[in-house]
Amino acid sequence: MRMLAAAVIVALGVRVARSRHRRFLHPDGRSFAGMLEIWGAGEPLGADLLDRPGRHEVIVRISKGAGTRGTRGDIRGVAIRVGEVDLLLSSTGTNAVTKRLPVPRRSFDTVYGSITPYRSATRKLYLEAVPDPDGRPLGRDLESLPAGSSLLLRASDRTVGRVTLGEELSAAANEALAFDPVRNATPDLHPTGTIHGTRAFAYRLSQRWRGATPADPNPRAVARTNAHR
């Protein structure tokens, strides 16, 4: 047991050292310009982004959490930047229990969830991105992600829109991206809960560690998330 614990500590130390100039989590990814089309849920959800039909230019990063090679299993990730809002989703299970847990997948055509809830002006919401049955699939390999592929955006089991990948960003632009769903959020659509509260510190620490420019401090947004409201 002690040898195993020591091995884990060493492995984490190596990972931290190697992350000096790259992301500690989701180190391998590709970023795209894209389009988010919102058509709404048919009833108000209390968030302007989700309720108001329209088209928004977005940046989308598709990634692997541990950076495994090829099509090996990994926590797959989708990060969406739309205006001043960052949405970070991870591959999850599909039943009532596992859809709130990160689950390794061998394909990018899977279900992605926010894991913990968001809060709108009127209710608690869980966000998801799911395969688009009418769109082009993302496939299994990070290196062959096709432009033009798409995912459906859902809020608490209601499909509200579609995000479509466009032109790929340069490697430099991809590395410079620094997502922060806690600080880059709006009062009517923001993450809440203890997990997100602890991430608020971790995001800035990891981004400064790898030399990226973090989001503005926005202490009000951090306090809002920590307050669970």
C-alpha atoms as a PDB file:
ATOM      1  CA  MET A   1       0.000   0.000   0.000  1.00  0.00           C
ATOM      2  CA  ARG A   2       2.831   2.389   0.859  1.00  0.00           C
ATOM      3  CA  MET A   3       4.555   1.595  -2.436  1.00  0.00           C
ATOM      4  CA  LEU A   4       1.322   2.296  -4.312  1.00  0.00           C
ATOM      5  CA  ALA A   5       0.820   5.592  -2.489  1.00  0.00           C
ATOM      6  CA  ALA A   6       4.412   6.562  -3.226  1.00  0.00           C
ATOM      7  CA  ALA A   7       3.964   5.706  -6.901  1.00  0.00           C
ATOM      8  CA  VAL A   8       0.817   7.853  -7.097  1.00  0.00           C
ATOM      9  CA  ILE A   9       2.615  10.794  -5.464  1.00  0.00           C
ATOM     10  CA  VAL A  10       5.545  10.464  -7.851  1.00  0.00           C
ATOM     11  CA  ALA A  11       3.209  10.230 -10.847  1.00  0.00           C
ATOM     12  CA  LEU A  12       1.349  13.357  -9.745  1.00  0.00           C
ATOM     13  CA  GLY A  13       4.641  15.168  -9.200  1.00  0.00           C
ATOM     14  CA  VAL A  14       5.794  14.302 -12.694  1.00  0.00           C
ATOM     15  CA  ARG A  15       2.477  15.413 -14.145  1.00  0.00           C
ATOM     16  CA  VAL A  16       2.620  18.756 -12.327  1.00  0.00           C
ATOM     17  CA  ALA A  17       6.207  19.346 -13.484  1.00  0.00           C
ATOM     18  CA  ARG A  18       5.311  18.556 -17.074  1.00  0.00           C
ATOM     19  CA  SER A  19       2.319  20.897 -16.893  1.00  0.00           C
ATOM     20  CA  ARG A  20       4.604  23.898 -16.356  1.00  0.00           C
ATOM     21  CA  HIS A  21       3.925  25.084 -19.888  1.00  0.00           C
ATOM     22  CA  ARG A  22       0.734  23.177 -20.666  1.00  0.00           C
ATOM     23  CA  ARG A  23      -2.595  22.292 -19.085  1.00  0.00           C
ATOM     24  CA  PHE A  24      -2.560  19.953 -16.090  1.00  0.00           C
ATOM     25  CA  LEU A  25      -6.021  18.601 -16.985  1.00  0.00           C
ATOM     26  CA  HIS A  26      -7.252  18.169 -20.550  1.00  0.00           C
ATOM     27  CA  PRO A  27      -3.759  18.837 -21.935  1.00  0.00           C
ATOM     28  CA  ASP A  28      -4.508  17.489 -25.408  1.00  0.00           C
ATOM     29  CA  GLY A  29      -7.221  19.216 -27.372  1.00  0.00           C
ATOM     30  CA  ARG A  30      -8.190  21.028 -30.536  1.00  0.00           C
ATOM     31  CA  SER A  31     -10.105  24.294 -30.719  1.00  0.00           C
ATOM     32  CA  PHE A  32     -12.508  25.508 -33.368  1.00  0.00           C
ATOM     33  CA  ALA A  33     -14.476  28.582 -34.253  1.00  0.00           C
ATOM     34  CA  GLY A  34     -18.110  27.563 -34.344  1.00  0.00           C
ATOM     35  CA  MET A  35     -21.744  28.532 -34.271  1.00  0.00           C
ATOM     36  CA  LEU A  36     -24.272  28.022 -31.495  1.00  0.00           C
ATOM     37  CA  GLU A  37     -27.868  28.101 -32.675  1.00  0.00           C
ATOM     38  CA  ILE A  38     -30.422  28.497 -29.870  1.00  0.00           C
ATOM     39  CA  TRP A  39     -34.094  27.812 -30.441  1.00  0.00           C
ATOM     40  CA  GLY A  40     -35.176  27.559 -26.794  1.00  0.00           C
ATOM     41  CA  ALA A  41     -36.859  24.909 -24.688  1.00  0.00           C
ATOM     42  CA  GLY A  42     -40.465  25.835 -25.383  1.00  0.00           C
ATOM     43  CA  GLU A  43     -40.791  27.273 -21.875  1.00  0.00           C
ATOM     44  CA  PRO A  44     -38.668  29.866 -20.055  1.00  0.00           C
ATOM     45  CA  LEU A  45     -35.653  28.436 -18.219  1.00  0.00           C
ATOM     46  CA  GLY A  46     -34.648  31.731 -16.639  1.00  0.00           C
ATOM     47  CA  ALA A  47     -31.416  32.235 -18.627  1.00  0.00           C
ATOM     48  CA  ASP A  48     -31.245  34.699 -21.504  1.00  0.00           C
ATOM     49  CA  LEU A  49     -28.714  32.590 -23.406  1.00  0.00           C
ATOM     50  CA  LEU A  50     -30.980  29.529 -23.356  1.00  0.00           C
ATOM     51  CA  ASP A  51     -34.358  31.276 -23.731  1.00  0.00           C
ATOM     52  CA  ARG A  52     -33.749  33.769 -26.539  1.00  0.00           C
ATOM     53  CA  PRO A  53     -33.605  32.214 -30.043  1.00  0.00           C
ATOM     54  CA  GLY A  54     -30.580  33.318 -32.009  1.00  0.00           C
ATOM     55  CA  ARG A  55     -27.182  32.458 -33.454  1.00  0.00           C
ATOM     56  CA  HIS A  56     -23.940  33.060 -31.573  1.00  0.00           C
ATOM     57  CA  GLU A  57     -20.340  32.805 -32.696  1.00  0.00           C
ATOM     58  CA  VAL A  58     -18.481  30.516 -30.282  1.00  0.00           C
ATOM     59  CA  ILE A  59     -15.118  28.946 -29.603  1.00  0.00           C
ATOM     60  CA  VAL A  60     -15.227  25.209 -28.917  1.00  0.00           C
ATOM     61  CA  ARG A  61     -12.385  23.115 -27.510  1.00  0.00           C
ATOM     62  CA  ILE A  62     -12.601  19.305 -27.724  1.00  0.00           C
ATOM     63  CA  SER A  63     -10.152  17.533 -25.432  1.00  0.00           C
ATOM     64  CA  LYS A  64      -9.042  14.454 -23.517  1.00  0.00           C
ATOM     65  CA  GLY A  65      -8.750  14.768 -19.746  1.00  0.00           C
ATOM     66  CA  ALA A  66      -5.665  12.658 -19.144  1.00  0.00           C
ATOM     67  CA  GLY A  67      -4.245  12.932 -22.653  1.00  0.00           C
ATOM     68  CA  THR A  68      -4.320   9.221 -23.489  1.00  0.00           C
ATOM     69  CA  ARG A  69      -3.189   8.248 -26.970  1.00  0.00           C
ATOM     70  CA  GLY A  70      -5.348   7.444 -29.947  1.00  0.00           C
ATOM     71  CA  THR A  71      -8.771   6.037 -29.166  1.00  0.00           C
ATOM     72  CA  ARG A  72      -7.954   4.834 -25.648  1.00  0.00           C
ATOM     73  CA  GLY A  73     -10.554   5.533 -22.991  1.00  0.00           C
ATOM     74  CA  ASP A  74     -10.383   8.951 -21.359  1.00  0.00           C
ATOM     75  CA  ILE A  75     -12.579  11.615 -19.808  1.00  0.00           C
ATOM     76  CA  ARG A  76     -13.546  13.500 -22.950  1.00  0.00           C
ATOM     77  CA  GLY A  77     -14.283  17.214 -22.700  1.00  0.00           C
ATOM     78  CA  VAL A  78     -16.174  19.951 -24.513  1.00  0.00           C
ATOM     79  CA  ALA A  79     -15.568  23.605 -23.598  1.00  0.00           C
ATOM     80  CA  ILE A  80     -17.771  26.270 -25.194  1.00  0.00           C
ATOM     81  CA  ARG A  81     -17.099  30.006 -25.016  1.00  0.00           C
ATOM     82  CA  VAL A  82     -20.114  32.068 -26.056  1.00  0.00           C
ATOM     83  CA  GLY A  83     -19.765  35.776 -25.409  1.00  0.00           C
ATOM     84  CA  GLU A  84     -18.843  36.235 -21.736  1.00  0.00           C
ATOM     85  CA  VAL A  85     -19.890  32.694 -20.758  1.00  0.00           C
ATOM     86  CA  ASP A  86     -17.681  29.585 -20.551  1.00  0.00           C
ATOM     87  CA  LEU A  87     -19.429  26.205 -20.400  1.00  0.00           C
ATOM     88  CA  LEU A  88     -17.247  23.208 -19.480  1.00  0.00           C
ATOM     89  CA  LEU A  89     -18.683  19.717 -19.942  1.00  0.00           C
ATOM     90  CA  SER A  90     -17.162  16.262 -19.387  1.00  0.00           C
ATOM     91  CA  SER A  91     -18.133  12.817 -20.634  1.00  0.00           C
ATOM     92  CA  THR A  92     -20.593  11.174 -18.262  1.00  0.00           C
ATOM     93  CA  GLY A  93     -22.803   8.138 -17.912  1.00  0.00           C
ATOM     94  CA  THR A  94     -26.369   8.074 -19.152  1.00  0.00           C
ATOM     95  CA  ASN A  95     -28.510   6.869 -16.242  1.00  0.00           C
ATOM     96  CA  ALA A  96     -29.783   8.841 -13.245  1.00  0.00           C
ATOM     97  CA  VAL A  97     -26.659   8.094 -11.175  1.00  0.00           C
ATOM     98  CA  THR A  98     -23.777   8.046 -13.660  1.00  0.00           C
ATOM     99  CA  LYS A  99     -24.883  11.141 -15.593  1.00  0.00           C
ATOM    100  CA  ARG A 100     -23.608  13.141 -12.604  1.00  0.00           C
ATOM    101  CA  LEU A 101     -20.201  11.431 -12.703  1.00  0.00           C
ATOM    102  CA  PRO A 102     -17.252  11.751 -15.118  1.00  0.00           C
ATOM    103  CA  VAL A 103     -16.975   8.533 -17.144  1.00  0.00           C
ATOM    104  CA  PRO A 104     -14.119   7.591 -19.533  1.00  0.00           C
ATOM    105  CA  ARG A 105     -15.178   7.064 -23.143  1.00  0.00           C
ATOM    106  CA  ARG A 106     -13.450   5.745 -26.278  1.00  0.00           C
ATOM    107  CA  SER A 107     -15.314   8.089 -28.634  1.00  0.00           C
ATOM    108  CA  PHE A 108     -16.141  11.784 -28.770  1.00  0.00           C
ATOM    109  CA  ASP A 109     -19.666  10.886 -29.851  1.00  0.00           C
ATOM    110  CA  THR A 110     -20.955  10.575 -26.308  1.00  0.00           C
ATOM    111  CA  VAL A 111     -22.890  12.445 -23.639  1.00  0.00           C
ATOM    112  CA  TYR A 112     -21.186  15.400 -21.926  1.00  0.00           C
ATOM    113  CA  GLY A 113     -22.534  16.918 -18.722  1.00  0.00           C
ATOM    114  CA  SER A 114     -21.857  19.772 -16.335  1.00  0.00           C
ATOM    115  CA  ILE A 115     -21.624  17.194 -13.476  1.00  0.00           C
ATOM    116  CA  THR A 116     -22.804  19.799 -10.949  1.00  0.00           C
ATOM    117  CA  PRO A 117     -25.751  22.152 -11.436  1.00  0.00           C
ATOM    118  CA  TYR A 118     -26.012  25.619 -12.875  1.00  0.00           C
ATOM    119  CA  ARG A 119     -28.381  28.215 -11.490  1.00  0.00           C
ATOM    120  CA  SER A 120     -30.582  30.356 -13.700  1.00  0.00           C
ATOM    121  CA  ALA A 121     -32.697  33.271 -12.504  1.00  0.00           C
ATOM    122  CA  THR A 122     -35.545  30.875 -11.708  1.00  0.00           C
ATOM    123  CA  ARG A 123     -34.242  27.321 -11.232  1.00  0.00           C
ATOM    124  CA  LYS A 124     -31.428  24.793 -11.001  1.00  0.00           C
ATOM    125  CA  LEU A 125     -30.269  23.396 -14.355  1.00  0.00           C
ATOM    126  CA  TYR A 126     -27.958  20.605 -15.483  1.00  0.00           C
ATOM    127  CA  LEU A 127     -26.347  21.286 -18.847  1.00  0.00           C
ATOM    128  CA  GLU A 128     -25.494  18.604 -21.410  1.00  0.00           C
ATOM    129  CA  ALA A 129     -24.126  18.254 -24.924  1.00  0.00           C
ATOM    130  CA  VAL A 130     -25.195  15.094 -26.751  1.00  0.00           C
ATOM    131  CA  PRO A 131     -24.578  13.591 -30.210  1.00  0.00           C
ATOM    132  CA  ASP A 132     -26.590  15.244 -32.967  1.00  0.00           C
ATOM    133  CA  PRO A 133     -28.470  12.500 -34.857  1.00  0.00           C
ATOM    134  CA  ASP A 134     -28.788  14.791 -37.878  1.00  0.00           C
ATOM    135  CA  GLY A 135     -25.194  16.029 -37.811  1.00  0.00           C
ATOM    136  CA  ARG A 136     -21.724  14.859 -38.689  1.00  0.00           C
ATOM    137  CA  PRO A 137     -20.148  12.704 -35.939  1.00  0.00           C
ATOM    138  CA  LEU A 138     -17.005  13.775 -34.103  1.00  0.00           C
ATOM    139  CA  GLY A 139     -15.417  10.332 -34.274  1.00  0.00           C
ATOM    140  CA  ARG A 140     -13.027   8.520 -31.941  1.00  0.00           C
ATOM    141  CA  ASP A 141      -9.647  10.153 -32.550  1.00  0.00           C
ATOM    142  CA  LEU A 142      -8.711  13.678 -31.481  1.00  0.00           C
ATOM    143  CA  GLU A 143      -6.439  14.054 -34.507  1.00  0.00           C
ATOM    144  CA  SER A 144      -9.241  13.457 -36.996  1.00  0.00           C
ATOM    145  CA  LEU A 145     -12.024  15.632 -35.554  1.00  0.00           C
ATOM    146  CA  PRO A 146     -13.912  16.956 -38.582  1.00  0.00           C
ATOM    147  CA  ALA A 147     -15.061  20.532 -39.074  1.00  0.00           C
ATOM    148  CA  GLY A 148     -18.819  20.626 -39.576  1.00  0.00           C
ATOM    149  CA  SER A 149     -19.568  18.098 -36.831  1.00  0.00           C
ATOM    150  CA  SER A 150     -22.156  19.065 -34.253  1.00  0.00           C
ATOM    151  CA  LEU A 151     -23.624  18.429 -30.820  1.00  0.00           C
ATOM    152  CA  LEU A 152     -27.019  19.265 -29.380  1.00  0.00           C
ATOM    153  CA  LEU A 153     -27.110  21.479 -26.285  1.00  0.00           C
ATOM    154  CA  ARG A 154     -29.547  20.443 -23.558  1.00  0.00           C
ATOM    155  CA  ALA A 155     -30.648  21.991 -20.263  1.00  0.00           C
ATOM    156  CA  SER A 156     -32.243  19.649 -17.723  1.00  0.00           C
ATOM    157  CA  ASP A 157     -33.299  17.154 -20.430  1.00  0.00           C
ATOM    158  CA  ARG A 158     -34.656  19.842 -22.771  1.00  0.00           C
ATOM    159  CA  THR A 159     -32.914  20.343 -26.101  1.00  0.00           C
ATOM    160  CA  VAL A 160     -32.349  24.073 -26.556  1.00  0.00           C
ATOM    161  CA  GLY A 161     -29.915  24.332 -29.475  1.00  0.00           C
ATOM    162  CA  ARG A 162     -27.049  23.021 -31.579  1.00  0.00           C
ATOM    163  CA  VAL A 163     -23.328  23.824 -31.616  1.00  0.00           C
ATOM    164  CA  THR A 164     -21.447  23.242 -34.870  1.00  0.00           C
ATOM    165  CA  LEU A 165     -17.682  23.183 -35.322  1.00  0.00           C
ATOM    166  CA  GLY A 166     -16.205  25.432 -37.985  1.00  0.00           C
ATOM    167  CA  GLU A 167     -12.621  26.347 -38.861  1.00  0.00           C
ATOM    168  CA  GLU A 168      -9.891  25.056 -36.546  1.00  0.00           C
ATOM    169  CA  LEU A 169      -7.932  27.619 -34.534  1.00  0.00           C
ATOM    170  CA  SER A 170      -4.149  27.763 -34.693  1.00  0.00           C
ATOM    171  CA  ALA A 171      -2.058  25.777 -32.224  1.00  0.00           C
ATOM    172  CA  ALA A 172      -0.994  29.027 -30.543  1.00  0.00           C
ATOM    173  CA  ALA A 173      -4.603  30.189 -30.136  1.00  0.00           C
ATOM    174  CA  ASN A 174      -5.568  26.799 -28.734  1.00  0.00           C
ATOM    175  CA  GLU A 175      -2.799  26.914 -26.129  1.00  0.00           C
ATOM    176  CA  ALA A 176      -3.631  30.493 -25.126  1.00  0.00           C
ATOM    177  CA  LEU A 177      -7.260  29.701 -24.312  1.00  0.00           C
ATOM    178  CA  ALA A 178      -8.021  29.892 -20.595  1.00  0.00           C
ATOM    179  CA  PHE A 179     -11.556  28.799 -19.765  1.00  0.00           C
ATOM    180  CA  ASP A 180     -13.113  29.674 -16.404  1.00  0.00           C
ATOM    181  CA  PRO A 181     -16.790  28.745 -15.956  1.00  0.00           C
ATOM    182  CA  VAL A 182     -16.942  30.356 -12.503  1.00  0.00           C
ATOM    183  CA  ARG A 183     -15.714  33.850 -13.428  1.00  0.00           C
ATOM    184  CA  ASN A 184     -16.887  33.819 -17.052  1.00  0.00           C
ATOM    185  CA  ALA A 185     -20.570  33.512 -16.229  1.00  0.00           C
ATOM    186  CA  THR A 186     -23.677  35.671 -15.992  1.00  0.00           C
ATOM    187  CA  PRO A 187     -26.008  36.212 -13.009  1.00  0.00           C
ATOM    188  CA  ASP A 188     -28.759  34.265 -14.782  1.00  0.00           C
ATOM    189  CA  LEU A 189     -26.560  31.287 -15.787  1.00  0.00           C
ATOM    190  CA  HIS A 190     -23.720  30.339 -13.474  1.00  0.00           C
ATOM    191  CA  PRO A 191     -22.341  27.184 -11.831  1.00  0.00           C
ATOM    192  CA  THR A 192     -22.995  26.541  -8.187  1.00  0.00           C
ATOM    193  CA  GLY A 193     -21.879  24.082  -5.534  1.00  0.00           C
ATOM    194  CA  THR A 194     -18.859  23.045  -3.519  1.00  0.00           C
ATOM    195  CA  ILE A 195     -17.029  21.393  -6.422  1.00  0.00           C
ATOM    196  CA  HIS A 196     -17.185  24.512  -8.572  1.00  0.00           C
ATOM    197  CA  GLY A 197     -16.297  26.630  -5.561  1.00  0.00           C
ATOM    198  CA  THR A 198     -13.037  24.762  -5.052  1.00  0.00           C
ATOM    199  CA  ARG A 199     -12.296  24.923  -8.781  1.00  0.00           C
ATOM    200  CA  ALA A 200     -12.363  28.731  -8.704  1.00  0.00           C
ATOM    201  CA  PHE A 201      -8.921  28.773  -7.079  1.00  0.00           C
ATOM    202  CA  ALA A 202      -7.602  25.853  -9.115  1.00  0.00           C
ATOM    203  CA  TYR A 203      -8.401  27.454 -12.487  1.00  0.00           C
ATOM    204  CA  ARG A 204      -6.359  30.585 -11.812  1.00  0.00           C
ATOM    205  CA  LEU A 205      -3.503  28.645 -10.250  1.00  0.00           C
ATOM    206  CA  SER A 206      -3.147  26.226 -13.156  1.00  0.00           C
ATOM    207  CA  GLN A 207      -3.472  28.968 -15.778  1.00  0.00           C
ATOM    208  CA  ARG A 208      -0.795  31.119 -14.181  1.00  0.00           C
ATOM    209  CA  TRP A 209       1.398  28.033 -13.778  1.00  0.00           C
ATOM    210  CA  ARG A 210       1.384  27.347 -17.509  1.00  0.00           C
ATOM    211  CA  GLY A 211       1.770  31.024 -18.442  1.00  0.00           C
ATOM    212  CA  ALA A 212      -1.769  31.660 -19.722  1.00  0.00           C
ATOM    213  CA  THR A 213      -3.682  34.867 -19.005  1.00  0.00           C
ATOM    214  CA  PRO A 214      -6.496  34.025 -16.568  1.00  0.00           C
ATOM    215  CA  ALA A 215      -9.958  35.588 -16.524  1.00  0.00           C
ATOM    216  CA  ASP A 216     -10.574  38.816 -14.626  1.00  0.00           C
ATOM    217  CA  PRO A 217     -10.791  38.118 -10.862  1.00  0.00           C
ATOM    218  CA  ASN A 218     -14.565  38.767 -10.657  1.00  0.00           C
ATOM    219  CA  PRO A 219     -14.893  38.146  -6.881  1.00  0.00           C
ATOM    220  CA  ARG A 220     -18.656  38.633  -7.065  1.00  0.00           C
ATOM    221  CA  ALA A 221     -18.984  35.637  -9.406  1.00  0.00           C
ATOM    222  CA  VAL A 222     -16.781  33.504  -7.145  1.00  0.00           C
ATOM    223  CA  ALA A 223     -18.830  34.455  -4.072  1.00  0.00           C
ATOM    224  CA  ARG A 224     -22.046  33.706  -5.976  1.00  0.00           C
ATOM    225  CA  THR A 225     -20.866  30.190  -6.799  1.00  0.00           C
ATOM    226  CA  ASN A 226     -19.610  29.529  -3.262  1.00  0.00           C
ATOM    227  CA  ALA A 227     -22.927  30.701  -1.837  1.00  0.00           C
ATOM    228  CA  HIS A 228     -24.758  27.979  -3.840  1.00  0.00           C
ATOM    229  CA  ARG A 229     -27.196  30.449  -5.326  1.00  0.00           C
END
